[in-house]
Amino acid sequence: MFPAMSLFDHVNLVYGAISEFCTATSCPDMTGPGQRTYLWFDEKGKKTKVAAPQYIDYVMTFIQKTISDETIFPTKYELPQLIQLIIFHPANEFPVSFESIVRKIVRLLYHVVAHLYAAHFKEVLLLGLHSHLNLTFAHLMALHHRFTLIDPKETDILEDLEMALGLNQEAVEAANNNEERDRSEDSRSQSTEDTCGDNKS
């Protein structure tokens, strides 16, 4: 699983490679597949319709500022560890708004990825970055499925892509079941070894 900074960097890297094709003229609105339009909410909660490059600049600026804040993201932890800590082991070092901040970051990164697929996949293909984009999307969705970070109404627009890449919830659950089965088998194996050791003594 990617750390927060790494996931942000990978999305930023792909967008940076095609940014010259994403202009206020070519992308007057921030859209995803099916002409889904994303509005920007400022710090006061006011929603504004902005061009895609402006929206993405807002996203990257917000995330960069947030993940660089040690009071929110202590650098000794990776993002999945942080989520687990805040959900299962709350501590004073985390702000009470931590979970909502993580959800916002993941949701905004999803918007950028959705725009890349909807408006710039041709350029992504021409630059040979489609595998990188797919991998970034896979990590983003794995993180979402593990902690349910994005509203299903947001993710439905890329469900077909999830299924094509084998990233749907059933695949995630199957992977989790396999992991639990492997742990169970390892535990039984260790128990057998311990028993044999006791018998020898």
C-alpha atoms as a PDB file:
ATOM      1  CA  MET A   1       0.000   0.000   0.000  1.00  0.00           C
ATOM      2  CA  PHE A   2       1.278   3.456  -0.899  1.00  0.00           C
ATOM      3  CA  PRO A   3       2.076   5.949   1.836  1.00  0.00           C
ATOM      4  CA  ALA A   4       0.000   9.128   1.587  1.00  0.00           C
ATOM      5  CA  MET A   5       2.786  11.146   0.019  1.00  0.00           C
ATOM      6  CA  SER A   6       3.602   8.432  -2.507  1.00  0.00           C
ATOM      7  CA  LEU A   7      -0.014   8.048  -3.643  1.00  0.00           C
ATOM      8  CA  PHE A   8      -0.267  11.808  -4.031  1.00  0.00           C
ATOM      9  CA  ASP A   9       3.040  11.863  -5.922  1.00  0.00           C
ATOM     10  CA  HIS A  10       1.929   9.175  -8.369  1.00  0.00           C
ATOM     11  CA  VAL A  11      -1.300  10.984  -9.238  1.00  0.00           C
ATOM     12  CA  ASN A  12       0.613  14.247  -9.518  1.00  0.00           C
ATOM     13  CA  LEU A  13       3.218  12.600 -11.757  1.00  0.00           C
ATOM     14  CA  VAL A  14       0.684  11.322 -14.290  1.00  0.00           C
ATOM     15  CA  TYR A  15      -1.209  14.602 -14.321  1.00  0.00           C
ATOM     16  CA  GLY A  16       2.022  16.570 -14.696  1.00  0.00           C
ATOM     17  CA  ALA A  17       2.892  14.551 -17.800  1.00  0.00           C
ATOM     18  CA  ILE A  18      -0.347  15.526 -19.578  1.00  0.00           C
ATOM     19  CA  SER A  19      -0.969  18.916 -17.948  1.00  0.00           C
ATOM     20  CA  GLU A  20      -0.192  20.819 -21.165  1.00  0.00           C
ATOM     21  CA  PHE A  21      -3.282  19.177 -22.680  1.00  0.00           C
ATOM     22  CA  CYS A  22      -5.491  20.112 -19.715  1.00  0.00           C
ATOM     23  CA  THR A  23      -6.289  23.792 -20.142  1.00  0.00           C
ATOM     24  CA  ALA A  24      -9.155  26.119 -19.321  1.00  0.00           C
ATOM     25  CA  THR A  25     -10.068  25.951 -23.016  1.00  0.00           C
ATOM     26  CA  SER A  26      -9.938  22.175 -23.472  1.00  0.00           C
ATOM     27  CA  CYS A  27     -11.347  21.420 -19.998  1.00  0.00           C
ATOM     28  CA  PRO A  28     -13.573  24.355 -18.950  1.00  0.00           C
ATOM     29  CA  ASP A  29     -15.189  22.133 -16.298  1.00  0.00           C
ATOM     30  CA  MET A  30     -13.752  19.534 -13.928  1.00  0.00           C
ATOM     31  CA  THR A  31     -15.444  16.414 -15.232  1.00  0.00           C
ATOM     32  CA  GLY A  32     -15.230  12.657 -14.877  1.00  0.00           C
ATOM     33  CA  PRO A  33     -16.716   9.815 -16.944  1.00  0.00           C
ATOM     34  CA  GLY A  34     -20.314  10.336 -18.033  1.00  0.00           C
ATOM     35  CA  GLN A  35     -19.842  14.110 -17.812  1.00  0.00           C
ATOM     36  CA  ARG A  36     -19.826  13.911 -14.016  1.00  0.00           C
ATOM     37  CA  THR A  37     -18.987  17.450 -12.871  1.00  0.00           C
ATOM     38  CA  TYR A  38     -16.952  18.149  -9.746  1.00  0.00           C
ATOM     39  CA  LEU A  39     -17.369  21.464  -7.931  1.00  0.00           C
ATOM     40  CA  TRP A  40     -14.706  22.906  -5.674  1.00  0.00           C
ATOM     41  CA  PHE A  41     -15.619  23.646  -2.049  1.00  0.00           C
ATOM     42  CA  ASP A  42     -13.556  26.409  -0.474  1.00  0.00           C
ATOM     43  CA  GLU A  43     -12.601  26.648   3.203  1.00  0.00           C
ATOM     44  CA  LYS A  44     -15.949  28.272   3.978  1.00  0.00           C
ATOM     45  CA  GLY A  45     -17.863  25.472   2.281  1.00  0.00           C
ATOM     46  CA  LYS A  46     -18.864  27.567  -0.714  1.00  0.00           C
ATOM     47  CA  LYS A  47     -18.981  25.494  -3.895  1.00  0.00           C
ATOM     48  CA  THR A  48     -17.571  26.921  -7.100  1.00  0.00           C
ATOM     49  CA  LYS A  49     -17.480  25.670 -10.675  1.00  0.00           C
ATOM     50  CA  VAL A  50     -13.914  25.989 -11.966  1.00  0.00           C
ATOM     51  CA  ALA A  51     -11.928  24.746 -14.960  1.00  0.00           C
ATOM     52  CA  ALA A  52     -10.217  21.372 -14.566  1.00  0.00           C
ATOM     53  CA  PRO A  53      -6.637  22.713 -14.315  1.00  0.00           C
ATOM     54  CA  GLN A  54      -7.701  25.182 -11.621  1.00  0.00           C
ATOM     55  CA  TYR A  55      -9.569  22.457  -9.714  1.00  0.00           C
ATOM     56  CA  ILE A  56      -6.579  20.121  -9.879  1.00  0.00           C
ATOM     57  CA  ASP A  57      -4.243  22.901  -8.760  1.00  0.00           C
ATOM     58  CA  TYR A  58      -6.526  23.468  -5.752  1.00  0.00           C
ATOM     59  CA  VAL A  59      -6.460  19.717  -5.039  1.00  0.00           C
ATOM     60  CA  MET A  60      -2.688  19.389  -5.218  1.00  0.00           C
ATOM     61  CA  THR A  61      -2.102  22.524  -3.164  1.00  0.00           C
ATOM     62  CA  PHE A  62      -4.527  21.395  -0.455  1.00  0.00           C
ATOM     63  CA  ILE A  63      -3.086  17.880  -0.250  1.00  0.00           C
ATOM     64  CA  GLN A  64       0.533  19.053  -0.293  1.00  0.00           C
ATOM     65  CA  LYS A  65      -0.178  21.466   2.536  1.00  0.00           C
ATOM     66  CA  THR A  66      -2.119  18.861   4.514  1.00  0.00           C
ATOM     67  CA  ILE A  67       0.265  15.920   4.265  1.00  0.00           C
ATOM     68  CA  SER A  68       3.206  18.181   5.070  1.00  0.00           C
ATOM     69  CA  ASP A  69       1.559  19.142   8.363  1.00  0.00           C
ATOM     70  CA  GLU A  70       3.160  17.015  11.095  1.00  0.00           C
ATOM     71  CA  THR A  71       0.223  17.664  13.431  1.00  0.00           C
ATOM     72  CA  ILE A  72      -2.009  15.811  10.965  1.00  0.00           C
ATOM     73  CA  PHE A  73       0.319  13.299   9.286  1.00  0.00           C
ATOM     74  CA  PRO A  74       3.242  12.208  11.473  1.00  0.00           C
ATOM     75  CA  THR A  75       5.817  11.032   8.929  1.00  0.00           C
ATOM     76  CA  LYS A  76       6.721   7.911  10.906  1.00  0.00           C
ATOM     77  CA  TYR A  77       3.426   6.301   9.838  1.00  0.00           C
ATOM     78  CA  GLU A  78       2.068   5.237   6.455  1.00  0.00           C
ATOM     79  CA  LEU A  79      -1.493   6.161   5.516  1.00  0.00           C
ATOM     80  CA  PRO A  80      -3.087   2.718   6.159  1.00  0.00           C
ATOM     81  CA  GLN A  81      -1.404   2.610   9.581  1.00  0.00           C
ATOM     82  CA  LEU A  82      -2.703   6.078  10.353  1.00  0.00           C
ATOM     83  CA  ILE A  83      -6.250   5.096   9.439  1.00  0.00           C
ATOM     84  CA  GLN A  84      -6.048   1.974  11.594  1.00  0.00           C
ATOM     85  CA  LEU A  85      -4.691   3.978  14.516  1.00  0.00           C
ATOM     86  CA  ILE A  86      -7.354   6.648  14.332  1.00  0.00           C
ATOM     87  CA  ILE A  87     -10.166   4.086  14.018  1.00  0.00           C
ATOM     88  CA  PHE A  88      -8.970   1.392  16.408  1.00  0.00           C
ATOM     89  CA  HIS A  89      -6.436   3.119  18.652  1.00  0.00           C
ATOM     90  CA  PRO A  90      -7.269   6.843  18.906  1.00  0.00           C
ATOM     91  CA  ALA A  91      -4.402   8.853  20.373  1.00  0.00           C
ATOM     92  CA  ASN A  92      -3.930  12.455  21.396  1.00  0.00           C
ATOM     93  CA  GLU A  93      -1.389  13.042  18.628  1.00  0.00           C
ATOM     94  CA  PHE A  94      -4.111  12.836  15.960  1.00  0.00           C
ATOM     95  CA  PRO A  95      -6.653  15.618  15.371  1.00  0.00           C
ATOM     96  CA  VAL A  96     -10.307  14.716  15.845  1.00  0.00           C
ATOM     97  CA  SER A  97     -10.843  15.631  12.204  1.00  0.00           C
ATOM     98  CA  PHE A  98      -8.212  13.165  10.964  1.00  0.00           C
ATOM     99  CA  GLU A  99     -10.621  10.639   9.473  1.00  0.00           C
ATOM    100  CA  SER A 100     -12.579  13.294   7.567  1.00  0.00           C
ATOM    101  CA  ILE A 101      -9.298  14.767   6.270  1.00  0.00           C
ATOM    102  CA  VAL A 102      -8.171  11.375   4.950  1.00  0.00           C
ATOM    103  CA  ARG A 103     -11.547  10.851   3.306  1.00  0.00           C
ATOM    104  CA  LYS A 104     -11.304  14.247   1.624  1.00  0.00           C
ATOM    105  CA  ILE A 105      -7.781  13.554   0.330  1.00  0.00           C
ATOM    106  CA  VAL A 106      -8.735  10.176  -1.133  1.00  0.00           C
ATOM    107  CA  ARG A 107     -11.928  11.596  -2.649  1.00  0.00           C
ATOM    108  CA  LEU A 108     -10.069  14.491  -4.290  1.00  0.00           C
ATOM    109  CA  LEU A 109      -7.390  12.177  -5.693  1.00  0.00           C
ATOM    110  CA  TYR A 110     -10.195  10.030  -7.079  1.00  0.00           C
ATOM    111  CA  HIS A 111     -11.628  13.086  -8.848  1.00  0.00           C
ATOM    112  CA  VAL A 112      -8.269  13.790 -10.502  1.00  0.00           C
ATOM    113  CA  VAL A 113      -7.865  10.162 -11.590  1.00  0.00           C
ATOM    114  CA  ALA A 114     -11.444  10.121 -12.917  1.00  0.00           C
ATOM    115  CA  HIS A 115     -10.703  13.244 -14.969  1.00  0.00           C
ATOM    116  CA  LEU A 116      -7.534  11.667 -16.374  1.00  0.00           C
ATOM    117  CA  TYR A 117      -9.504   8.646 -17.555  1.00  0.00           C
ATOM    118  CA  ALA A 118     -12.410  10.681 -18.919  1.00  0.00           C
ATOM    119  CA  ALA A 119     -10.605  13.557 -20.619  1.00  0.00           C
ATOM    120  CA  HIS A 120      -6.975  12.600 -21.152  1.00  0.00           C
ATOM    121  CA  PHE A 121      -6.648   8.850 -21.515  1.00  0.00           C
ATOM    122  CA  LYS A 122      -5.623   9.279 -25.170  1.00  0.00           C
ATOM    123  CA  GLU A 123      -2.651  11.389 -24.082  1.00  0.00           C
ATOM    124  CA  VAL A 124      -1.882   8.962 -21.260  1.00  0.00           C
ATOM    125  CA  LEU A 125      -1.766   6.133 -23.816  1.00  0.00           C
ATOM    126  CA  LEU A 126       0.418   8.098 -26.232  1.00  0.00           C
ATOM    127  CA  LEU A 127       2.917   8.756 -23.441  1.00  0.00           C
ATOM    128  CA  GLY A 128       2.897   5.102 -22.379  1.00  0.00           C
ATOM    129  CA  LEU A 129       1.622   5.955 -18.898  1.00  0.00           C
ATOM    130  CA  HIS A 130      -1.583   3.895 -18.944  1.00  0.00           C
ATOM    131  CA  SER A 131      -0.089   1.061 -16.867  1.00  0.00           C
ATOM    132  CA  HIS A 132       1.132   3.592 -14.322  1.00  0.00           C
ATOM    133  CA  LEU A 133      -2.301   5.231 -14.173  1.00  0.00           C
ATOM    134  CA  ASN A 134      -4.018   1.850 -13.810  1.00  0.00           C
ATOM    135  CA  LEU A 135      -1.649   0.877 -10.990  1.00  0.00           C
ATOM    136  CA  THR A 136      -2.246   4.183  -9.219  1.00  0.00           C
ATOM    137  CA  PHE A 137      -6.004   3.686  -9.582  1.00  0.00           C
ATOM    138  CA  ALA A 138      -5.652   0.143  -8.236  1.00  0.00           C
ATOM    139  CA  HIS A 139      -3.853   1.336  -5.099  1.00  0.00           C
ATOM    140  CA  LEU A 140      -6.352   4.137  -4.621  1.00  0.00           C
ATOM    141  CA  MET A 141      -9.299   1.755  -4.844  1.00  0.00           C
ATOM    142  CA  ALA A 142      -7.634  -0.865  -2.647  1.00  0.00           C
ATOM    143  CA  LEU A 143      -7.266   1.805   0.013  1.00  0.00           C
ATOM    144  CA  HIS A 144     -10.899   2.822  -0.455  1.00  0.00           C
ATOM    145  CA  HIS A 145     -12.222  -0.743  -0.293  1.00  0.00           C
ATOM    146  CA  ARG A 146     -10.195  -1.503   2.810  1.00  0.00           C
ATOM    147  CA  PHE A 147     -11.521   1.463   4.780  1.00  0.00           C
ATOM    148  CA  THR A 148     -14.649   2.570   2.814  1.00  0.00           C
ATOM    149  CA  LEU A 149     -13.356   6.099   2.279  1.00  0.00           C
ATOM    150  CA  ILE A 150     -15.424   7.268  -0.706  1.00  0.00           C
ATOM    151  CA  ASP A 151     -19.200   7.467  -1.104  1.00  0.00           C
ATOM    152  CA  PRO A 152     -20.395   4.718  -3.503  1.00  0.00           C
ATOM    153  CA  LYS A 153     -22.259   7.405  -5.462  1.00  0.00           C
ATOM    154  CA  GLU A 154     -18.830   8.816  -6.347  1.00  0.00           C
ATOM    155  CA  THR A 155     -17.168   5.564  -7.393  1.00  0.00           C
ATOM    156  CA  ASP A 156     -19.962   4.166  -9.567  1.00  0.00           C
ATOM    157  CA  ILE A 157     -18.628   6.023 -12.626  1.00  0.00           C
ATOM    158  CA  LEU A 158     -15.516   3.826 -12.775  1.00  0.00           C
ATOM    159  CA  GLU A 159     -17.090   0.521 -11.711  1.00  0.00           C
ATOM    160  CA  ASP A 160     -16.619  -0.953 -15.203  1.00  0.00           C
ATOM    161  CA  LEU A 161     -12.917  -0.136 -15.041  1.00  0.00           C
ATOM    162  CA  GLU A 162     -12.691  -1.677 -11.574  1.00  0.00           C
ATOM    163  CA  MET A 163     -14.223  -4.898 -12.861  1.00  0.00           C
ATOM    164  CA  ALA A 164     -11.954  -4.914 -15.935  1.00  0.00           C
ATOM    165  CA  LEU A 165      -8.900  -4.552 -13.695  1.00  0.00           C
ATOM    166  CA  GLY A 166     -10.231  -7.035 -11.128  1.00  0.00           C
ATOM    167  CA  LEU A 167     -10.548  -4.366  -8.442  1.00  0.00           C
ATOM    168  CA  ASN A 168     -14.215  -4.783  -7.533  1.00  0.00           C
ATOM    169  CA  GLN A 169     -15.254  -5.467  -3.948  1.00  0.00           C
ATOM    170  CA  GLU A 170     -15.648  -9.203  -4.552  1.00  0.00           C
ATOM    171  CA  ALA A 171     -12.035  -9.404  -5.694  1.00  0.00           C
ATOM    172  CA  VAL A 172     -10.911  -7.488  -2.621  1.00  0.00           C
ATOM    173  CA  GLU A 173     -12.954  -9.746  -0.334  1.00  0.00           C
ATOM    174  CA  ALA A 174     -11.536 -12.830  -2.056  1.00  0.00           C
ATOM    175  CA  ALA A 175      -8.020 -11.520  -1.524  1.00  0.00           C
ATOM    176  CA  ASN A 176      -8.788 -10.818   2.135  1.00  0.00           C
ATOM    177  CA  ASN A 177     -10.261 -14.319   2.548  1.00  0.00           C
ATOM    178  CA  ASN A 178      -7.150 -15.862   0.994  1.00  0.00           C
ATOM    179  CA  GLU A 179      -4.979 -13.832   3.340  1.00  0.00           C
ATOM    180  CA  GLU A 180      -6.998 -14.993   6.369  1.00  0.00           C
ATOM    181  CA  ARG A 181      -6.833 -18.597   5.141  1.00  0.00           C
ATOM    182  CA  ASP A 182      -3.055 -18.373   4.744  1.00  0.00           C
ATOM    183  CA  ARG A 183      -2.718 -16.968   8.257  1.00  0.00           C
ATOM    184  CA  SER A 184      -4.911 -19.754   9.602  1.00  0.00           C
ATOM    185  CA  GLU A 185      -2.834 -22.403   7.821  1.00  0.00           C
ATOM    186  CA  ASP A 186       0.382 -20.844   9.116  1.00  0.00           C
ATOM    187  CA  SER A 187      -1.068 -20.876  12.620  1.00  0.00           C
ATOM    188  CA  ARG A 188      -2.046 -24.564  12.351  1.00  0.00           C
ATOM    189  CA  SER A 189       1.374 -25.393  10.940  1.00  0.00           C
ATOM    190  CA  GLN A 190       3.089 -23.610  13.814  1.00  0.00           C
ATOM    191  CA  SER A 191       0.831 -25.386  16.302  1.00  0.00           C
ATOM    192  CA  THR A 192       1.750 -28.772  14.781  1.00  0.00           C
ATOM    193  CA  GLU A 193       5.455 -27.962  14.971  1.00  0.00           C
ATOM    194  CA  ASP A 194       5.113 -26.950  18.614  1.00  0.00           C
ATOM    195  CA  THR A 195       3.266 -30.187  19.399  1.00  0.00           C
ATOM    196  CA  CYS A 196       5.932 -32.288  17.683  1.00  0.00           C
ATOM    197  CA  GLY A 197       8.604 -30.457  19.607  1.00  0.00           C
ATOM    198  CA  ASP A 198       6.835 -31.168  22.887  1.00  0.00           C
ATOM    199  CA  ASN A 199       6.546 -34.880  22.040  1.00  0.00           C
ATOM    200  CA  LYS A 200      10.275 -35.137  21.264  1.00  0.00           C
ATOM    201  CA  SER A 201      11.178 -33.701  24.613  1.00  0.00           C
END
